[in-house]
Amino acid sequence: MTDPAEHPGQQTGLQRLFEGFFGSVRNLIAHTGYRYDDGKEAFQLLMLLDLLVGSLDAAAKRLGTTLP
């Protein structure tokens, strides 16, 4: 989802954040059975995910739609 009212650089930056998160974090966990040794690292990644999902929710509200 992209908010067309946002600056193109901001759109690209957010897209790259999502790509990076899913390319490194999600794939590592989903495809290798990786477990975090440090609870703080896992918590930080959850907070990053919360930030990303929050940005999608905010864009959906600005566009007058909802997330599935």
PDB file of N, CA and C in Angstrom:
ATOM      1  N   MET A   1       0.848  -1.164   0.000  1.00  0.00           N
ATOM      2  CA  MET A   1       0.000   0.000   0.000  1.00  0.00           C
ATOM      3  C   MET A   1       0.893   1.225   0.000  1.00  0.00           C
ATOM      4  N   THR A   2       0.565   2.162  -0.850  1.00  0.00           N
ATOM      5  CA  THR A   2       1.324   3.398  -0.935  1.00  0.00           C
ATOM      6  C   THR A   2       0.370   4.566  -0.850  1.00  0.00           C
ATOM      7  N   ASP A   3       0.757   5.543  -0.086  1.00  0.00           N
ATOM      8  CA  ASP A   3      -0.012   6.778  -0.007  1.00  0.00           C
ATOM      9  C   ASP A   3       0.526   7.710  -1.079  1.00  0.00           C
ATOM     10  N   PRO A   4      -0.250   7.957  -2.135  1.00  0.00           N
ATOM     11  CA  PRO A   4       0.255   8.795  -3.227  1.00  0.00           C
ATOM     12  C   PRO A   4       0.545  10.230  -2.813  1.00  0.00           C
ATOM     13  N   ALA A   5       0.041  10.647  -1.654  1.00  0.00           N
ATOM     14  CA  ALA A   5       0.299  12.011  -1.190  1.00  0.00           C
ATOM     15  C   ALA A   5       1.679  12.145  -0.555  1.00  0.00           C
ATOM     16  N   GLU A   6       2.317  11.035  -0.233  1.00  0.00           N
ATOM     17  CA  GLU A   6       3.640  11.084   0.372  1.00  0.00           C
ATOM     18  C   GLU A   6       4.704  11.359  -0.684  1.00  0.00           C
ATOM     19  N   HIS A   7       5.776  11.954  -0.231  1.00  0.00           N
ATOM     20  CA  HIS A   7       6.922  12.232  -1.101  1.00  0.00           C
ATOM     21  C   HIS A   7       7.436  10.906  -1.662  1.00  0.00           C
ATOM     22  N   PRO A   8       7.807  10.857  -2.959  1.00  0.00           N
ATOM     23  CA  PRO A   8       8.292   9.597  -3.556  1.00  0.00           C
ATOM     24  C   PRO A   8       9.470   8.980  -2.801  1.00  0.00           C
ATOM     25  N   GLY A   9      10.350   9.805  -2.279  1.00  0.00           N
ATOM     26  CA  GLY A   9      11.479   9.270  -1.518  1.00  0.00           C
ATOM     27  C   GLY A   9      11.024   8.580  -0.245  1.00  0.00           C
ATOM     28  N   GLN A  10       9.996   9.131   0.390  1.00  0.00           N
ATOM     29  CA  GLN A  10       9.452   8.511   1.591  1.00  0.00           C
ATOM     30  C   GLN A  10       8.769   7.187   1.244  1.00  0.00           C
ATOM     31  N   GLN A  11       8.056   7.160   0.137  1.00  0.00           N
ATOM     32  CA  GLN A  11       7.419   5.917  -0.312  1.00  0.00           C
ATOM     33  C   GLN A  11       8.470   4.834  -0.542  1.00  0.00           C
ATOM     34  N   THR A  12       9.539   5.192  -1.226  1.00  0.00           N
ATOM     35  CA  THR A  12      10.611   4.241  -1.529  1.00  0.00           C
ATOM     36  C   THR A  12      11.295   3.784  -0.246  1.00  0.00           C
ATOM     37  N   GLY A  13      11.548   4.712   0.657  1.00  0.00           N
ATOM     38  CA  GLY A  13      12.207   4.358   1.911  1.00  0.00           C
ATOM     39  C   GLY A  13      11.398   3.372   2.731  1.00  0.00           C
ATOM     40  N   LEU A  14      10.093   3.599   2.827  1.00  0.00           N
ATOM     41  CA  LEU A  14       9.237   2.695   3.580  1.00  0.00           C
ATOM     42  C   LEU A  14       9.182   1.322   2.905  1.00  0.00           C
ATOM     43  N   GLN A  15       9.114   1.313   1.587  1.00  0.00           N
ATOM     44  CA  GLN A  15       9.113   0.046   0.859  1.00  0.00           C
ATOM     45  C   GLN A  15      10.397  -0.736   1.140  1.00  0.00           C
ATOM     46  N   ARG A  16      11.510  -0.051   1.165  1.00  0.00           N
ATOM     47  CA  ARG A  16      12.786  -0.727   1.419  1.00  0.00           C
ATOM     48  C   ARG A  16      12.881  -1.245   2.851  1.00  0.00           C
ATOM     49  N   LEU A  17      12.278  -0.502   3.800  1.00  0.00           N
ATOM     50  CA  LEU A  17      12.245  -1.009   5.165  1.00  0.00           C
ATOM     51  C   LEU A  17      11.489  -2.332   5.234  1.00  0.00           C
ATOM     52  N   PHE A  18      10.329  -2.395   4.566  1.00  0.00           N
ATOM     53  CA  PHE A  18       9.565  -3.635   4.530  1.00  0.00           C
ATOM     54  C   PHE A  18      10.350  -4.747   3.851  1.00  0.00           C
ATOM     55  N   GLU A  19      10.964  -4.437   2.723  1.00  0.00           N
ATOM     56  CA  GLU A  19      11.746  -5.450   2.010  1.00  0.00           C
ATOM     57  C   GLU A  19      12.875  -5.972   2.893  1.00  0.00           C
ATOM     58  N   GLY A  20      13.550  -5.071   3.574  1.00  0.00           N
ATOM     59  CA  GLY A  20      14.653  -5.478   4.448  1.00  0.00           C
ATOM     60  C   GLY A  20      14.178  -6.333   5.604  1.00  0.00           C
ATOM     61  N   PHE A  21      13.069  -5.934   6.207  1.00  0.00           N
ATOM     62  CA  PHE A  21      12.541  -6.703   7.330  1.00  0.00           C
ATOM     63  C   PHE A  21      12.172  -8.120   6.890  1.00  0.00           C
ATOM     64  N   PHE A  22      11.406  -8.212   5.813  1.00  0.00           N
ATOM     65  CA  PHE A  22      10.975  -9.529   5.370  1.00  0.00           C
ATOM     66  C   PHE A  22      12.120 -10.337   4.777  1.00  0.00           C
ATOM     67  N   GLY A  23      13.053  -9.670   4.107  1.00  0.00           N
ATOM     68  CA  GLY A  23      14.176 -10.383   3.516  1.00  0.00           C
ATOM     69  C   GLY A  23      15.137 -10.940   4.536  1.00  0.00           C
ATOM     70  N   SER A  24      15.324 -10.222   5.637  1.00  0.00           N
ATOM     71  CA  SER A  24      16.300 -10.691   6.618  1.00  0.00           C
ATOM     72  C   SER A  24      15.655 -11.352   7.824  1.00  0.00           C
ATOM     73  N   VAL A  25      14.707 -10.697   8.428  1.00  0.00           N
ATOM     74  CA  VAL A  25      14.139 -11.194   9.677  1.00  0.00           C
ATOM     75  C   VAL A  25      13.120 -12.303   9.435  1.00  0.00           C
ATOM     76  N   ARG A  26      12.125 -12.034   8.645  1.00  0.00           N
ATOM     77  CA  ARG A  26      11.054 -13.003   8.441  1.00  0.00           C
ATOM     78  C   ARG A  26      11.570 -14.273   7.781  1.00  0.00           C
ATOM     79  N   ASN A  27      12.391 -14.132   6.756  1.00  0.00           N
ATOM     80  CA  ASN A  27      12.909 -15.317   6.070  1.00  0.00           C
ATOM     81  C   ASN A  27      13.813 -16.146   6.973  1.00  0.00           C
ATOM     82  N   LEU A  28      14.596 -15.488   7.798  1.00  0.00           N
ATOM     83  CA  LEU A  28      15.470 -16.202   8.728  1.00  0.00           C
ATOM     84  C   LEU A  28      14.644 -17.076   9.667  1.00  0.00           C
ATOM     85  N   ILE A  29      13.607 -16.497  10.240  1.00  0.00           N
ATOM     86  CA  ILE A  29      12.781 -17.218  11.207  1.00  0.00           C
ATOM     87  C   ILE A  29      11.936 -18.288  10.518  1.00  0.00           C
ATOM     88  N   ALA A  30      11.335 -17.946   9.390  1.00  0.00           N
ATOM     89  CA  ALA A  30      10.406 -18.858   8.725  1.00  0.00           C
ATOM     90  C   ALA A  30      11.100 -20.030   8.048  1.00  0.00           C
ATOM     91  N   HIS A  31      12.316 -19.846   7.600  1.00  0.00           N
ATOM     92  CA  HIS A  31      12.947 -20.882   6.780  1.00  0.00           C
ATOM     93  C   HIS A  31      14.111 -21.615   7.442  1.00  0.00           C
ATOM     94  N   THR A  32      14.508 -21.196   8.625  1.00  0.00           N
ATOM     95  CA  THR A  32      15.653 -21.865   9.245  1.00  0.00           C
ATOM     96  C   THR A  32      15.376 -22.384  10.645  1.00  0.00           C
ATOM     97  N   GLY A  33      14.238 -22.031  11.234  1.00  0.00           N
ATOM     98  CA  GLY A  33      13.982 -22.446  12.607  1.00  0.00           C
ATOM     99  C   GLY A  33      14.845 -21.700  13.602  1.00  0.00           C
ATOM    100  N   TYR A  34      15.333 -20.545  13.208  1.00  0.00           N
ATOM    101  CA  TYR A  34      16.213 -19.725  14.045  1.00  0.00           C
ATOM    102  C   TYR A  34      15.512 -19.329  15.342  1.00  0.00           C
ATOM    103  N   ARG A  35      16.267 -19.345  16.420  1.00  0.00           N
ATOM    104  CA  ARG A  35      15.768 -18.892  17.725  1.00  0.00           C
ATOM    105  C   ARG A  35      16.729 -17.828  18.256  1.00  0.00           C
ATOM    106  N   TYR A  36      16.165 -16.778  18.821  1.00  0.00           N
ATOM    107  CA  TYR A  36      16.990 -15.710  19.367  1.00  0.00           C
ATOM    108  C   TYR A  36      17.553 -16.111  20.717  1.00  0.00           C
ATOM    109  N   ASP A  37      18.843 -15.872  20.903  1.00  0.00           N
ATOM    110  CA  ASP A  37      19.483 -16.119  22.199  1.00  0.00           C
ATOM    111  C   ASP A  37      19.195 -14.992  23.170  1.00  0.00           C
ATOM    112  N   ASP A  38      18.954 -13.819  22.624  1.00  0.00           N
ATOM    113  CA  ASP A  38      18.764 -12.621  23.433  1.00  0.00           C
ATOM    114  C   ASP A  38      17.332 -12.122  23.273  1.00  0.00           C
ATOM    115  N   GLY A  39      16.570 -12.118  24.340  1.00  0.00           N
ATOM    116  CA  GLY A  39      15.194 -11.646  24.295  1.00  0.00           C
ATOM    117  C   GLY A  39      15.093 -10.193  23.870  1.00  0.00           C
ATOM    118  N   LYS A  40      16.107  -9.403  24.175  1.00  0.00           N
ATOM    119  CA  LYS A  40      16.080  -7.990  23.797  1.00  0.00           C
ATOM    120  C   LYS A  40      16.072  -7.842  22.275  1.00  0.00           C
ATOM    121  N   GLU A  41      16.864  -8.649  21.581  1.00  0.00           N
ATOM    122  CA  GLU A  41      16.909  -8.584  20.117  1.00  0.00           C
ATOM    123  C   GLU A  41      15.545  -8.933  19.530  1.00  0.00           C
ATOM    124  N   ALA A  42      14.921  -9.980  20.055  1.00  0.00           N
ATOM    125  CA  ALA A  42      13.597 -10.374  19.576  1.00  0.00           C
ATOM    126  C   ALA A  42      12.584  -9.260  19.829  1.00  0.00           C
ATOM    127  N   PHE A  43      12.647  -8.651  21.006  1.00  0.00           N
ATOM    128  CA  PHE A  43      11.735  -7.559  21.335  1.00  0.00           C
ATOM    129  C   PHE A  43      11.936  -6.372  20.400  1.00  0.00           C
ATOM    130  N   GLN A  44      13.168  -6.023  20.117  1.00  0.00           N
ATOM    131  CA  GLN A  44      13.448  -4.908  19.213  1.00  0.00           C
ATOM    132  C   GLN A  44      12.877  -5.166  17.827  1.00  0.00           C
ATOM    133  N   LEU A  45      12.977  -6.391  17.348  1.00  0.00           N
ATOM    134  CA  LEU A  45      12.431  -6.724  16.035  1.00  0.00           C
ATOM    135  C   LEU A  45      10.903  -6.667  16.046  1.00  0.00           C
ATOM    136  N   LEU A  46      10.297  -7.072  17.139  1.00  0.00           N
ATOM    137  CA  LEU A  46       8.845  -6.940  17.262  1.00  0.00           C
ATOM    138  C   LEU A  46       8.427  -5.468  17.248  1.00  0.00           C
ATOM    139  N   MET A  47       9.224  -4.631  17.865  1.00  0.00           N
ATOM    140  CA  MET A  47       8.912  -3.199  17.869  1.00  0.00           C
ATOM    141  C   MET A  47       9.068  -2.611  16.466  1.00  0.00           C
ATOM    142  N   LEU A  48      10.048  -3.073  15.715  1.00  0.00           N
ATOM    143  CA  LEU A  48      10.205  -2.634  14.332  1.00  0.00           C
ATOM    144  C   LEU A  48       8.992  -3.064  13.511  1.00  0.00           C
ATOM    145  N   LEU A  49       8.567  -4.296  13.708  1.00  0.00           N
ATOM    146  CA  LEU A  49       7.380  -4.778  13.008  1.00  0.00           C
ATOM    147  C   LEU A  49       6.157  -3.951  13.387  1.00  0.00           C
ATOM    148  N   ASP A  50       6.029  -3.605  14.660  1.00  0.00           N
ATOM    149  CA  ASP A  50       4.918  -2.766  15.108  1.00  0.00           C
ATOM    150  C   ASP A  50       4.955  -1.406  14.410  1.00  0.00           C
ATOM    151  N   LEU A  51       6.139  -0.836  14.259  1.00  0.00           N
ATOM    152  CA  LEU A  51       6.287   0.434  13.552  1.00  0.00           C
ATOM    153  C   LEU A  51       5.854   0.305  12.093  1.00  0.00           C
ATOM    154  N   LEU A  52       6.273  -0.764  11.438  1.00  0.00           N
ATOM    155  CA  LEU A  52       5.923  -0.966  10.037  1.00  0.00           C
ATOM    156  C   LEU A  52       4.416  -1.166   9.853  1.00  0.00           C
ATOM    157  N   VAL A  53       3.817  -1.996  10.683  1.00  0.00           N
ATOM    158  CA  VAL A  53       2.375  -2.220  10.583  1.00  0.00           C
ATOM    159  C   VAL A  53       1.617  -0.939  10.923  1.00  0.00           C
ATOM    160  N   GLY A  54       2.113  -0.182  11.887  1.00  0.00           N
ATOM    161  CA  GLY A  54       1.491   1.093  12.226  1.00  0.00           C
ATOM    162  C   GLY A  54       1.526   2.073  11.064  1.00  0.00           C
ATOM    163  N   SER A  55       2.607   2.051  10.304  1.00  0.00           N
ATOM    164  CA  SER A  55       2.692   2.950   9.143  1.00  0.00           C
ATOM    165  C   SER A  55       1.689   2.536   8.072  1.00  0.00           C
ATOM    166  N   LEU A  56       1.458   1.233   7.915  1.00  0.00           N
ATOM    167  CA  LEU A  56       0.433   0.772   6.983  1.00  0.00           C
ATOM    168  C   LEU A  56      -0.957   1.192   7.440  1.00  0.00           C
ATOM    169  N   ASP A  57      -1.208   1.063   8.721  1.00  0.00           N
ATOM    170  CA  ASP A  57      -2.506   1.436   9.267  1.00  0.00           C
ATOM    171  C   ASP A  57      -2.759   2.929   9.086  1.00  0.00           C
ATOM    172  N   ALA A  58      -1.744   3.741   9.337  1.00  0.00           N
ATOM    173  CA  ALA A  58      -1.883   5.190   9.186  1.00  0.00           C
ATOM    174  C   ALA A  58      -2.145   5.546   7.716  1.00  0.00           C
ATOM    175  N   ALA A  59      -1.440   4.904   6.790  1.00  0.00           N
ATOM    176  CA  ALA A  59      -1.662   5.158   5.367  1.00  0.00           C
ATOM    177  C   ALA A  59      -3.070   4.737   4.967  1.00  0.00           C
ATOM    178  N   ALA A  60      -3.526   3.602   5.480  1.00  0.00           N
ATOM    179  CA  ALA A  60      -4.889   3.136   5.158  1.00  0.00           C
ATOM    180  C   ALA A  60      -5.923   4.135   5.645  1.00  0.00           C
ATOM    181  N   LYS A  61      -5.733   4.691   6.829  1.00  0.00           N
ATOM    182  CA  LYS A  61      -6.680   5.694   7.349  1.00  0.00           C
ATOM    183  C   LYS A  61      -6.670   6.950   6.492  1.00  0.00           C
ATOM    184  N   ARG A  62      -5.475   7.389   6.069  1.00  0.00           N
ATOM    185  CA  ARG A  62      -5.393   8.584   5.222  1.00  0.00           C
ATOM    186  C   ARG A  62      -6.072   8.340   3.873  1.00  0.00           C
ATOM    187  N   LEU A  63      -6.023   7.092   3.389  1.00  0.00           N
ATOM    188  CA  LEU A  63      -6.613   6.760   2.109  1.00  0.00           C
ATOM    189  C   LEU A  63      -8.092   6.369   2.228  1.00  0.00           C
ATOM    190  N   GLY A  64      -8.604   6.338   3.459  1.00  0.00           N
ATOM    191  CA  GLY A  64     -10.005   6.016   3.672  1.00  0.00           C
ATOM    192  C   GLY A  64     -10.335   4.554   3.491  1.00  0.00           C
ATOM    193  N   THR A  65      -9.410   3.681   3.820  1.00  0.00           N
ATOM    194  CA  THR A  65      -9.631   2.249   3.701  1.00  0.00           C
ATOM    195  C   THR A  65      -9.170   1.573   4.984  1.00  0.00           C
ATOM    196  N   THR A  66      -9.300   0.273   5.050  1.00  0.00           N
ATOM    197  CA  THR A  66      -8.820  -0.471   6.214  1.00  0.00           C
ATOM    198  C   THR A  66      -7.941  -1.613   5.737  1.00  0.00           C
ATOM    199  N   LEU A  67      -7.115  -2.095   6.646  1.00  0.00           N
ATOM    200  CA  LEU A  67      -6.282  -3.244   6.335  1.00  0.00           C
ATOM    201  C   LEU A  67      -7.124  -4.495   6.488  1.00  0.00           C
ATOM    202  N   PRO A  68      -6.825  -5.530   5.705  1.00  0.00           N
ATOM    203  CA  PRO A  68      -7.600  -6.784   5.833  1.00  0.00           C
ATOM    204  C   PRO A  68      -7.371  -7.452   7.158  1.00  0.00           C
TER     205      PRO A  68
END
